[in-house]
Amino acid sequence: MALATTRFERMREHVKVISRYNYKQAIYAIRRDTTLTTGIAIYTRYNETIFWPIILKYAALIDLATLLPAKGPANRFTIAEKAATKKFMEDSAEVT
């Protein structure tokens, strides 16, 4: 069974278990875990391709009168896009 958790104690236990394997079993477990994490990384990168369209949809809903003026040098992003990006980052990082 491969490890798929965010709990640190569970990760530590998984590593301890692998360290008790013989060489052949340990190599198999490491390859399996590497394959799993590679798959998760590919899935994550693919998921990220939809982030900007989602942020733009939220930015279109923001009332510009509620936003503070932009600080710093001007760039190609609107104040609404910046606010929507901030909210998206906060909301998507929340663990429920």
PDB file of N, CA and C in Angstrom:
ATOM      1  N   MET A   1       0.850  -1.179   0.000  1.00  0.00           N
ATOM      2  CA  MET A   1       0.000   0.000   0.000  1.00  0.00           C
ATOM      3  C   MET A   1       0.896   1.242   0.000  1.00  0.00           C
ATOM      4  N   ALA A   2       0.639   2.150  -0.919  1.00  0.00           N
ATOM      5  CA  ALA A   2       1.415   3.383  -1.006  1.00  0.00           C
ATOM      6  C   ALA A   2       0.854   4.414  -0.035  1.00  0.00           C
ATOM      7  N   LEU A   3       1.694   5.347   0.350  1.00  0.00           N
ATOM      8  CA  LEU A   3       1.302   6.399   1.264  1.00  0.00           C
ATOM      9  C   LEU A   3       0.613   7.522   0.502  1.00  0.00           C
ATOM     10  N   ALA A   4      -0.544   7.931   0.975  1.00  0.00           N
ATOM     11  CA  ALA A   4      -1.238   9.086   0.410  1.00  0.00           C
ATOM     12  C   ALA A   4      -1.933   9.784   1.567  1.00  0.00           C
ATOM     13  N   THR A   5      -1.190  10.653   2.237  1.00  0.00           N
ATOM     14  CA  THR A   5      -1.716  11.341   3.409  1.00  0.00           C
ATOM     15  C   THR A   5      -1.032  12.684   3.575  1.00  0.00           C
ATOM     16  N   THR A   6      -1.628  13.546   4.361  1.00  0.00           N
ATOM     17  CA  THR A   6      -0.993  14.813   4.716  1.00  0.00           C
ATOM     18  C   THR A   6      -0.653  14.828   6.207  1.00  0.00           C
ATOM     19  N   ARG A   7      -0.949  13.744   6.903  1.00  0.00           N
ATOM     20  CA  ARG A   7      -0.666  13.658   8.340  1.00  0.00           C
ATOM     21  C   ARG A   7       0.795  13.262   8.549  1.00  0.00           C
ATOM     22  N   PHE A   8       1.527  14.132   9.239  1.00  0.00           N
ATOM     23  CA  PHE A   8       2.965  13.929   9.419  1.00  0.00           C
ATOM     24  C   PHE A   8       3.274  12.621  10.139  1.00  0.00           C
ATOM     25  N   GLU A   9       2.543  12.305  11.183  1.00  0.00           N
ATOM     26  CA  GLU A   9       2.800  11.069  11.932  1.00  0.00           C
ATOM     27  C   GLU A   9       2.625   9.839  11.041  1.00  0.00           C
ATOM     28  N   ARG A  10       1.644   9.878  10.173  1.00  0.00           N
ATOM     29  CA  ARG A  10       1.404   8.753   9.250  1.00  0.00           C
ATOM     30  C   ARG A  10       2.581   8.619   8.278  1.00  0.00           C
ATOM     31  N   MET A  11       3.102   9.750   7.819  1.00  0.00           N
ATOM     32  CA  MET A  11       4.269   9.731   6.933  1.00  0.00           C
ATOM     33  C   MET A  11       5.473   9.130   7.637  1.00  0.00           C
ATOM     34  N   ARG A  12       5.695   9.571   8.866  1.00  0.00           N
ATOM     35  CA  ARG A  12       6.829   9.062   9.642  1.00  0.00           C
ATOM     36  C   ARG A  12       6.717   7.550   9.822  1.00  0.00           C
ATOM     37  N   GLU A  13       5.532   7.049  10.129  1.00  0.00           N
ATOM     38  CA  GLU A  13       5.324   5.615  10.297  1.00  0.00           C
ATOM     39  C   GLU A  13       5.587   4.869   8.995  1.00  0.00           C
ATOM     40  N   HIS A  14       5.150   5.438   7.879  1.00  0.00           N
ATOM     41  CA  HIS A  14       5.366   4.829   6.565  1.00  0.00           C
ATOM     42  C   HIS A  14       6.863   4.656   6.289  1.00  0.00           C
ATOM     43  N   VAL A  15       7.649   5.687   6.594  1.00  0.00           N
ATOM     44  CA  VAL A  15       9.095   5.630   6.376  1.00  0.00           C
ATOM     45  C   VAL A  15       9.726   4.567   7.283  1.00  0.00           C
ATOM     46  N   LYS A  16       9.265   4.493   8.526  1.00  0.00           N
ATOM     47  CA  LYS A  16       9.793   3.480   9.443  1.00  0.00           C
ATOM     48  C   LYS A  16       9.517   2.071   8.915  1.00  0.00           C
ATOM     49  N   VAL A  17       8.320   1.862   8.384  1.00  0.00           N
ATOM     50  CA  VAL A  17       7.961   0.552   7.842  1.00  0.00           C
ATOM     51  C   VAL A  17       8.888   0.200   6.677  1.00  0.00           C
ATOM     52  N   ILE A  18       9.079   1.131   5.755  1.00  0.00           N
ATOM     53  CA  ILE A  18       9.954   0.880   4.601  1.00  0.00           C
ATOM     54  C   ILE A  18      11.380   0.591   5.051  1.00  0.00           C
ATOM     55  N   SER A  19      11.838   1.280   6.076  1.00  0.00           N
ATOM     56  CA  SER A  19      13.222   1.071   6.537  1.00  0.00           C
ATOM     57  C   SER A  19      13.435  -0.328   7.112  1.00  0.00           C
ATOM     58  N   ARG A  20      12.368  -1.009   7.482  1.00  0.00           N
ATOM     59  CA  ARG A  20      12.486  -2.372   8.007  1.00  0.00           C
ATOM     60  C   ARG A  20      12.421  -3.433   6.901  1.00  0.00           C
ATOM     61  N   TYR A  21      12.086  -3.022   5.679  1.00  0.00           N
ATOM     62  CA  TYR A  21      12.020  -3.973   4.567  1.00  0.00           C
ATOM     63  C   TYR A  21      13.408  -4.450   4.173  1.00  0.00           C
ATOM     64  N   ASN A  22      13.457  -5.619   3.518  1.00  0.00           N
ATOM     65  CA  ASN A  22      14.724  -6.027   2.926  1.00  0.00           C
ATOM     66  C   ASN A  22      14.948  -5.155   1.680  1.00  0.00           C
ATOM     67  N   TYR A  23      16.128  -5.255   1.098  1.00  0.00           N
ATOM     68  CA  TYR A  23      16.498  -4.376  -0.017  1.00  0.00           C
ATOM     69  C   TYR A  23      15.483  -4.412  -1.155  1.00  0.00           C
ATOM     70  N   LYS A  24      15.121  -5.590  -1.602  1.00  0.00           N
ATOM     71  CA  LYS A  24      14.223  -5.728  -2.751  1.00  0.00           C
ATOM     72  C   LYS A  24      12.847  -5.136  -2.453  1.00  0.00           C
ATOM     73  N   GLN A  25      12.328  -5.387  -1.253  1.00  0.00           N
ATOM     74  CA  GLN A  25      11.030  -4.832  -0.865  1.00  0.00           C
ATOM     75  C   GLN A  25      11.094  -3.304  -0.763  1.00  0.00           C
ATOM     76  N   ALA A  26      12.203  -2.801  -0.209  1.00  0.00           N
ATOM     77  CA  ALA A  26      12.354  -1.347  -0.056  1.00  0.00           C
ATOM     78  C   ALA A  26      12.400  -0.651  -1.413  1.00  0.00           C
ATOM     79  N   ILE A  27      13.156  -1.221  -2.358  1.00  0.00           N
ATOM     80  CA  ILE A  27      13.229  -0.633  -3.702  1.00  0.00           C
ATOM     81  C   ILE A  27      11.845  -0.623  -4.345  1.00  0.00           C
ATOM     82  N   TYR A  28      11.107  -1.709  -4.209  1.00  0.00           N
ATOM     83  CA  TYR A  28       9.754  -1.779  -4.767  1.00  0.00           C
ATOM     84  C   TYR A  28       8.869  -0.693  -4.153  1.00  0.00           C
ATOM     85  N   ALA A  29       8.928  -0.548  -2.826  1.00  0.00           N
ATOM     86  CA  ALA A  29       8.105   0.448  -2.135  1.00  0.00           C
ATOM     87  C   ALA A  29       8.476   1.868  -2.561  1.00  0.00           C
ATOM     88  N   ILE A  30       9.768   2.128  -2.698  1.00  0.00           N
ATOM     89  CA  ILE A  30      10.219   3.469  -3.105  1.00  0.00           C
ATOM     90  C   ILE A  30       9.763   3.767  -4.530  1.00  0.00           C
ATOM     91  N   ARG A  31       9.893   2.806  -5.427  1.00  0.00           N
ATOM     92  CA  ARG A  31       9.431   3.008  -6.808  1.00  0.00           C
ATOM     93  C   ARG A  31       7.925   3.247  -6.843  1.00  0.00           C
ATOM     94  N   ARG A  32       7.194   2.484  -6.065  1.00  0.00           N
ATOM     95  CA  ARG A  32       5.731   2.632  -6.009  1.00  0.00           C
ATOM     96  C   ARG A  32       5.356   4.027  -5.516  1.00  0.00           C
ATOM     97  N   ASP A  33       6.019   4.468  -4.436  1.00  0.00           N
ATOM     98  CA  ASP A  33       5.729   5.798  -3.896  1.00  0.00           C
ATOM     99  C   ASP A  33       6.105   6.899  -4.879  1.00  0.00           C
ATOM    100  N   THR A  34       7.232   6.720  -5.579  1.00  0.00           N
ATOM    101  CA  THR A  34       7.656   7.700  -6.573  1.00  0.00           C
ATOM    102  C   THR A  34       6.633   7.790  -7.707  1.00  0.00           C
ATOM    103  N   THR A  35       6.130   6.653  -8.140  1.00  0.00           N
ATOM    104  CA  THR A  35       5.103   6.631  -9.187  1.00  0.00           C
ATOM    105  C   THR A  35       3.847   7.352  -8.719  1.00  0.00           C
ATOM    106  N   LEU A  36       3.442   7.096  -7.483  1.00  0.00           N
ATOM    107  CA  LEU A  36       2.252   7.753  -6.933  1.00  0.00           C
ATOM    108  C   LEU A  36       2.435   9.264  -6.881  1.00  0.00           C
ATOM    109  N   THR A  37       3.568   9.716  -6.360  1.00  0.00           N
ATOM    110  CA  THR A  37       3.774  11.155  -6.238  1.00  0.00           C
ATOM    111  C   THR A  37       3.923  11.820  -7.604  1.00  0.00           C
ATOM    112  N   THR A  38       4.496  11.121  -8.570  1.00  0.00           N
ATOM    113  CA  THR A  38       4.587  11.663  -9.926  1.00  0.00           C
ATOM    114  C   THR A  38       3.191  11.818 -10.520  1.00  0.00           C
ATOM    115  N   GLY A  39       2.354  10.815 -10.318  1.00  0.00           N
ATOM    116  CA  GLY A  39       0.977  10.892 -10.801  1.00  0.00           C
ATOM    117  C   GLY A  39       0.222  12.043 -10.172  1.00  0.00           C
ATOM    118  N   ILE A  40       0.408  12.237  -8.881  1.00  0.00           N
ATOM    119  CA  ILE A  40      -0.250  13.347  -8.183  1.00  0.00           C
ATOM    120  C   ILE A  40       0.252  14.681  -8.719  1.00  0.00           C
ATOM    121  N   ALA A  41       1.565  14.786  -8.983  1.00  0.00           N
ATOM    122  CA  ALA A  41       2.132  16.030  -9.518  1.00  0.00           C
ATOM    123  C   ALA A  41       1.563  16.346 -10.902  1.00  0.00           C
ATOM    124  N   ILE A  42       1.430  15.341 -11.743  1.00  0.00           N
ATOM    125  CA  ILE A  42       0.846  15.547 -13.078  1.00  0.00           C
ATOM    126  C   ILE A  42      -0.603  15.993 -12.947  1.00  0.00           C
ATOM    127  N   TYR A  43      -1.351  15.346 -12.080  1.00  0.00           N
ATOM    128  CA  TYR A  43      -2.753  15.709 -11.847  1.00  0.00           C
ATOM    129  C   TYR A  43      -2.865  17.148 -11.352  1.00  0.00           C
ATOM    130  N   THR A  44      -1.985  17.527 -10.425  1.00  0.00           N
ATOM    131  CA  THR A  44      -1.996  18.886  -9.880  1.00  0.00           C
ATOM    132  C   THR A  44      -1.710  19.913 -10.967  1.00  0.00           C
ATOM    133  N   ARG A  45      -0.689  19.661 -11.796  1.00  0.00           N
ATOM    134  CA  ARG A  45      -0.342  20.598 -12.875  1.00  0.00           C
ATOM    135  C   ARG A  45      -1.497  20.737 -13.867  1.00  0.00           C
ATOM    136  N   TYR A  46      -2.148  19.619 -14.184  1.00  0.00           N
ATOM    137  CA  TYR A  46      -3.285  19.667 -15.098  1.00  0.00           C
ATOM    138  C   TYR A  46      -4.418  20.480 -14.477  1.00  0.00           C
ATOM    139  N   ASN A  47      -4.670  20.265 -13.208  1.00  0.00           N
ATOM    140  CA  ASN A  47      -5.707  21.018 -12.496  1.00  0.00           C
ATOM    141  C   ASN A  47      -5.425  22.517 -12.545  1.00  0.00           C
ATOM    142  N   GLU A  48      -4.158  22.893 -12.440  1.00  0.00           N
ATOM    143  CA  GLU A  48      -3.787  24.302 -12.420  1.00  0.00           C
ATOM    144  C   GLU A  48      -4.139  25.022 -13.715  1.00  0.00           C
ATOM    145  N   THR A  49      -4.346  24.303 -14.798  1.00  0.00           N
ATOM    146  CA  THR A  49      -4.684  24.947 -16.067  1.00  0.00           C
ATOM    147  C   THR A  49      -6.057  25.602 -16.030  1.00  0.00           C
ATOM    148  N   ILE A  50      -6.893  25.226 -15.075  1.00  0.00           N
ATOM    149  CA  ILE A  50      -8.234  25.831 -14.992  1.00  0.00           C
ATOM    150  C   ILE A  50      -8.313  26.952 -13.978  1.00  0.00           C
ATOM    151  N   PHE A  51      -7.239  27.237 -13.239  1.00  0.00           N
ATOM    152  CA  PHE A  51      -7.282  28.243 -12.189  1.00  0.00           C
ATOM    153  C   PHE A  51      -7.602  29.641 -12.725  1.00  0.00           C
ATOM    154  N   TRP A  52      -6.896  30.068 -13.773  1.00  0.00           N
ATOM    155  CA  TRP A  52      -7.080  31.438 -14.253  1.00  0.00           C
ATOM    156  C   TRP A  52      -8.505  31.680 -14.744  1.00  0.00           C
ATOM    157  N   PRO A  53      -9.112  30.795 -15.524  1.00  0.00           N
ATOM    158  CA  PRO A  53     -10.513  31.029 -15.908  1.00  0.00           C
ATOM    159  C   PRO A  53     -11.448  31.136 -14.700  1.00  0.00           C
ATOM    160  N   ILE A  54     -11.197  30.365 -13.656  1.00  0.00           N
ATOM    161  CA  ILE A  54     -12.019  30.443 -12.444  1.00  0.00           C
ATOM    162  C   ILE A  54     -11.821  31.804 -11.771  1.00  0.00           C
ATOM    163  N   ILE A  55     -10.575  32.243 -11.686  1.00  0.00           N
ATOM    164  CA  ILE A  55     -10.278  33.547 -11.082  1.00  0.00           C
ATOM    165  C   ILE A  55     -10.957  34.667 -11.874  1.00  0.00           C
ATOM    166  N   LEU A  56     -10.908  34.589 -13.199  1.00  0.00           N
ATOM    167  CA  LEU A  56     -11.555  35.625 -14.028  1.00  0.00           C
ATOM    168  C   LEU A  56     -13.069  35.659 -13.821  1.00  0.00           C
ATOM    169  N   LYS A  57     -13.680  34.493 -13.650  1.00  0.00           N
ATOM    170  CA  LYS A  57     -15.130  34.455 -13.380  1.00  0.00           C
ATOM    171  C   LYS A  57     -15.452  35.161 -12.076  1.00  0.00           C
ATOM    172  N   TYR A  58     -14.626  34.927 -11.056  1.00  0.00           N
ATOM    173  CA  TYR A  58     -14.863  35.592  -9.772  1.00  0.00           C
ATOM    174  C   TYR A  58     -14.583  37.090  -9.884  1.00  0.00           C
ATOM    175  N   ALA A  59     -13.536  37.472 -10.611  1.00  0.00           N
ATOM    176  CA  ALA A  59     -13.202  38.893 -10.767  1.00  0.00           C
ATOM    177  C   ALA A  59     -14.346  39.662 -11.417  1.00  0.00           C
ATOM    178  N   ALA A  60     -15.060  39.014 -12.334  1.00  0.00           N
ATOM    179  CA  ALA A  60     -16.193  39.670 -13.002  1.00  0.00           C
ATOM    180  C   ALA A  60     -17.347  39.950 -12.039  1.00  0.00           C
ATOM    181  N   LEU A  61     -17.387  39.239 -10.936  1.00  0.00           N
ATOM    182  CA  LEU A  61     -18.461  39.418  -9.957  1.00  0.00           C
ATOM    183  C   LEU A  61     -18.159  40.482  -8.909  1.00  0.00           C
ATOM    184  N   ILE A  62     -16.915  40.919  -8.839  1.00  0.00           N
ATOM    185  CA  ILE A  62     -16.503  41.873  -7.803  1.00  0.00           C
ATOM    186  C   ILE A  62     -16.966  43.282  -8.155  1.00  0.00           C
ATOM    187  N   ASP A  63     -17.539  43.953  -7.164  1.00  0.00           N
ATOM    188  CA  ASP A  63     -17.939  45.353  -7.317  1.00  0.00           C
ATOM    189  C   ASP A  63     -16.679  46.205  -7.169  1.00  0.00           C
ATOM    190  N   LEU A  64     -16.254  46.844  -8.237  1.00  0.00           N
ATOM    191  CA  LEU A  64     -15.004  47.609  -8.229  1.00  0.00           C
ATOM    192  C   LEU A  64     -15.011  48.733  -7.198  1.00  0.00           C
ATOM    193  N   ALA A  65     -16.188  49.235  -6.853  1.00  0.00           N
ATOM    194  CA  ALA A  65     -16.284  50.316  -5.872  1.00  0.00           C
ATOM    195  C   ALA A  65     -15.871  49.851  -4.474  1.00  0.00           C
ATOM    196  N   THR A  66     -15.858  48.541  -4.244  1.00  0.00           N
ATOM    197  CA  THR A  66     -15.487  48.009  -2.927  1.00  0.00           C
ATOM    198  C   THR A  66     -13.988  47.775  -2.787  1.00  0.00           C
ATOM    199  N   LEU A  67     -13.244  47.946  -3.867  1.00  0.00           N
ATOM    200  CA  LEU A  67     -11.809  47.661  -3.844  1.00  0.00           C
ATOM    201  C   LEU A  67     -10.989  48.924  -3.594  1.00  0.00           C
ATOM    202  N   LEU A  68      -9.880  48.737  -2.888  1.00  0.00           N
ATOM    203  CA  LEU A  68      -8.950  49.839  -2.659  1.00  0.00           C
ATOM    204  C   LEU A  68      -8.152  50.092  -3.929  1.00  0.00           C
ATOM    205  N   PRO A  69      -7.663  51.322  -4.115  1.00  0.00           N
ATOM    206  CA  PRO A  69      -6.831  51.608  -5.290  1.00  0.00           C
ATOM    207  C   PRO A  69      -5.575  50.732  -5.287  1.00  0.00           C
ATOM    208  N   ALA A  70      -5.061  50.469  -6.451  1.00  0.00           N
ATOM    209  CA  ALA A  70      -3.863  49.629  -6.582  1.00  0.00           C
ATOM    210  C   ALA A  70      -2.662  50.332  -5.979  1.00  0.00           C
ATOM    211  N   LYS A  71      -1.786  49.532  -5.369  1.00  0.00           N
ATOM    212  CA  LYS A  71      -0.534  50.055  -4.819  1.00  0.00           C
ATOM    213  C   LYS A  71       0.608  49.528  -5.676  1.00  0.00           C
ATOM    214  N   GLY A  72       1.673  50.264  -5.731  1.00  0.00           N
ATOM    215  CA  GLY A  72       2.840  49.811  -6.480  1.00  0.00           C
ATOM    216  C   GLY A  72       2.716  50.106  -7.955  1.00  0.00           C
ATOM    217  N   PRO A  73       3.701  49.639  -8.726  1.00  0.00           N
ATOM    218  CA  PRO A  73       3.715  49.928 -10.161  1.00  0.00           C
ATOM    219  C   PRO A  73       2.574  49.201 -10.888  1.00  0.00           C
ATOM    220  N   ALA A  74       2.119  49.815 -11.968  1.00  0.00           N
ATOM    221  CA  ALA A  74       1.055  49.216 -12.774  1.00  0.00           C
ATOM    222  C   ALA A  74       1.592  47.996 -13.501  1.00  0.00           C
ATOM    223  N   ASN A  75       0.722  46.991 -13.640  1.00  0.00           N
ATOM    224  CA  ASN A  75       1.082  45.817 -14.424  1.00  0.00           C
ATOM    225  C   ASN A  75      -0.135  45.426 -15.259  1.00  0.00           C
ATOM    226  N   ARG A  76      -0.118  44.288 -15.863  1.00  0.00           N
ATOM    227  CA  ARG A  76      -1.191  43.922 -16.785  1.00  0.00           C
ATOM    228  C   ARG A  76      -2.434  43.354 -16.100  1.00  0.00           C
ATOM    229  N   PHE A  77      -2.443  43.291 -14.762  1.00  0.00           N
ATOM    230  CA  PHE A  77      -3.588  42.739 -14.043  1.00  0.00           C
ATOM    231  C   PHE A  77      -4.444  43.849 -13.451  1.00  0.00           C
ATOM    232  N   THR A  78      -5.750  43.672 -13.529  1.00  0.00           N
ATOM    233  CA  THR A  78      -6.666  44.662 -12.963  1.00  0.00           C
ATOM    234  C   THR A  78      -6.735  44.482 -11.445  1.00  0.00           C
ATOM    235  N   ILE A  79      -7.280  45.491 -10.779  1.00  0.00           N
ATOM    236  CA  ILE A  79      -7.461  45.407  -9.325  1.00  0.00           C
ATOM    237  C   ILE A  79      -8.388  44.240  -8.985  1.00  0.00           C
ATOM    238  N   ALA A  80      -9.433  44.049  -9.772  1.00  0.00           N
ATOM    239  CA  ALA A  80     -10.372  42.950  -9.535  1.00  0.00           C
ATOM    240  C   ALA A  80      -9.683  41.595  -9.712  1.00  0.00           C
ATOM    241  N   GLU A  81      -8.833  41.470 -10.721  1.00  0.00           N
ATOM    242  CA  GLU A  81      -8.111  40.212 -10.932  1.00  0.00           C
ATOM    243  C   GLU A  81      -7.172  39.914  -9.766  1.00  0.00           C
ATOM    244  N   LYS A  82      -6.521  40.963  -9.259  1.00  0.00           N
ATOM    245  CA  LYS A  82      -5.630  40.784  -8.111  1.00  0.00           C
ATOM    246  C   LYS A  82      -6.424  40.359  -6.879  1.00  0.00           C
ATOM    247  N   ALA A  83      -7.556  40.998  -6.638  1.00  0.00           N
ATOM    248  CA  ALA A  83      -8.390  40.655  -5.487  1.00  0.00           C
ATOM    249  C   ALA A  83      -8.951  39.244  -5.626  1.00  0.00           C
ATOM    250  N   ALA A  84      -9.373  38.889  -6.824  1.00  0.00           N
ATOM    251  CA  ALA A  84      -9.915  37.549  -7.066  1.00  0.00           C
ATOM    252  C   ALA A  84      -8.831  36.492  -6.899  1.00  0.00           C
ATOM    253  N   THR A  85      -7.620  36.799  -7.341  1.00  0.00           N
ATOM    254  CA  THR A  85      -6.512  35.859  -7.191  1.00  0.00           C
ATOM    255  C   THR A  85      -6.198  35.644  -5.716  1.00  0.00           C
ATOM    256  N   LYS A  86      -6.171  36.709  -4.949  1.00  0.00           N
ATOM    257  CA  LYS A  86      -5.901  36.596  -3.511  1.00  0.00           C
ATOM    258  C   LYS A  86      -6.963  35.722  -2.839  1.00  0.00           C
ATOM    259  N   LYS A  87      -8.233  35.993  -3.141  1.00  0.00           N
ATOM    260  CA  LYS A  87      -9.313  35.205  -2.539  1.00  0.00           C
ATOM    261  C   LYS A  87      -9.224  33.748  -2.974  1.00  0.00           C
ATOM    262  N   PHE A  88      -8.935  33.512  -4.249  1.00  0.00           N
ATOM    263  CA  PHE A  88      -8.808  32.143  -4.752  1.00  0.00           C
ATOM    264  C   PHE A  88      -7.697  31.405  -4.007  1.00  0.00           C
ATOM    265  N   MET A  89      -6.551  32.045  -3.845  1.00  0.00           N
ATOM    266  CA  MET A  89      -5.419  31.415  -3.152  1.00  0.00           C
ATOM    267  C   MET A  89      -5.779  31.089  -1.700  1.00  0.00           C
ATOM    268  N   GLU A  90      -6.460  32.018  -1.033  1.00  0.00           N
ATOM    269  CA  GLU A  90      -6.869  31.778   0.360  1.00  0.00           C
ATOM    270  C   GLU A  90      -7.895  30.637   0.432  1.00  0.00           C
ATOM    271  N   ASP A  91      -8.891  30.701  -0.426  1.00  0.00           N
ATOM    272  CA  ASP A  91      -9.963  29.704  -0.380  1.00  0.00           C
ATOM    273  C   ASP A  91      -9.483  28.312  -0.797  1.00  0.00           C
ATOM    274  N   SER A  92      -8.621  28.249  -1.792  1.00  0.00           N
ATOM    275  CA  SER A  92      -8.163  26.936  -2.269  1.00  0.00           C
ATOM    276  C   SER A  92      -7.143  26.318  -1.320  1.00  0.00           C
ATOM    277  N   ALA A  93      -6.509  27.120  -0.473  1.00  0.00           N
ATOM    278  CA  ALA A  93      -5.539  26.585   0.475  1.00  0.00           C
ATOM    279  C   ALA A  93      -6.196  26.129   1.777  1.00  0.00           C
ATOM    280  N   GLU A  94      -7.433  26.525   1.993  1.00  0.00           N
ATOM    281  CA  GLU A  94      -8.159  26.156   3.210  1.00  0.00           C
ATOM    282  C   GLU A  94      -8.365  24.659   3.286  1.00  0.00           C
ATOM    283  N   VAL A  95      -8.054  24.097   4.421  1.00  0.00           N
ATOM    284  CA  VAL A  95      -8.270  22.673   4.642  1.00  0.00           C
ATOM    285  C   VAL A  95      -9.585  22.513   5.393  1.00  0.00           C
ATOM    286  N   THR A  96     -10.453  21.691   4.844  1.00  0.00           N
ATOM    287  CA  THR A  96     -11.743  21.487   5.509  1.00  0.00           C
ATOM    288  C   THR A  96     -11.830  20.128   6.124  1.00  0.00           C
TER     289      THR A  96
END
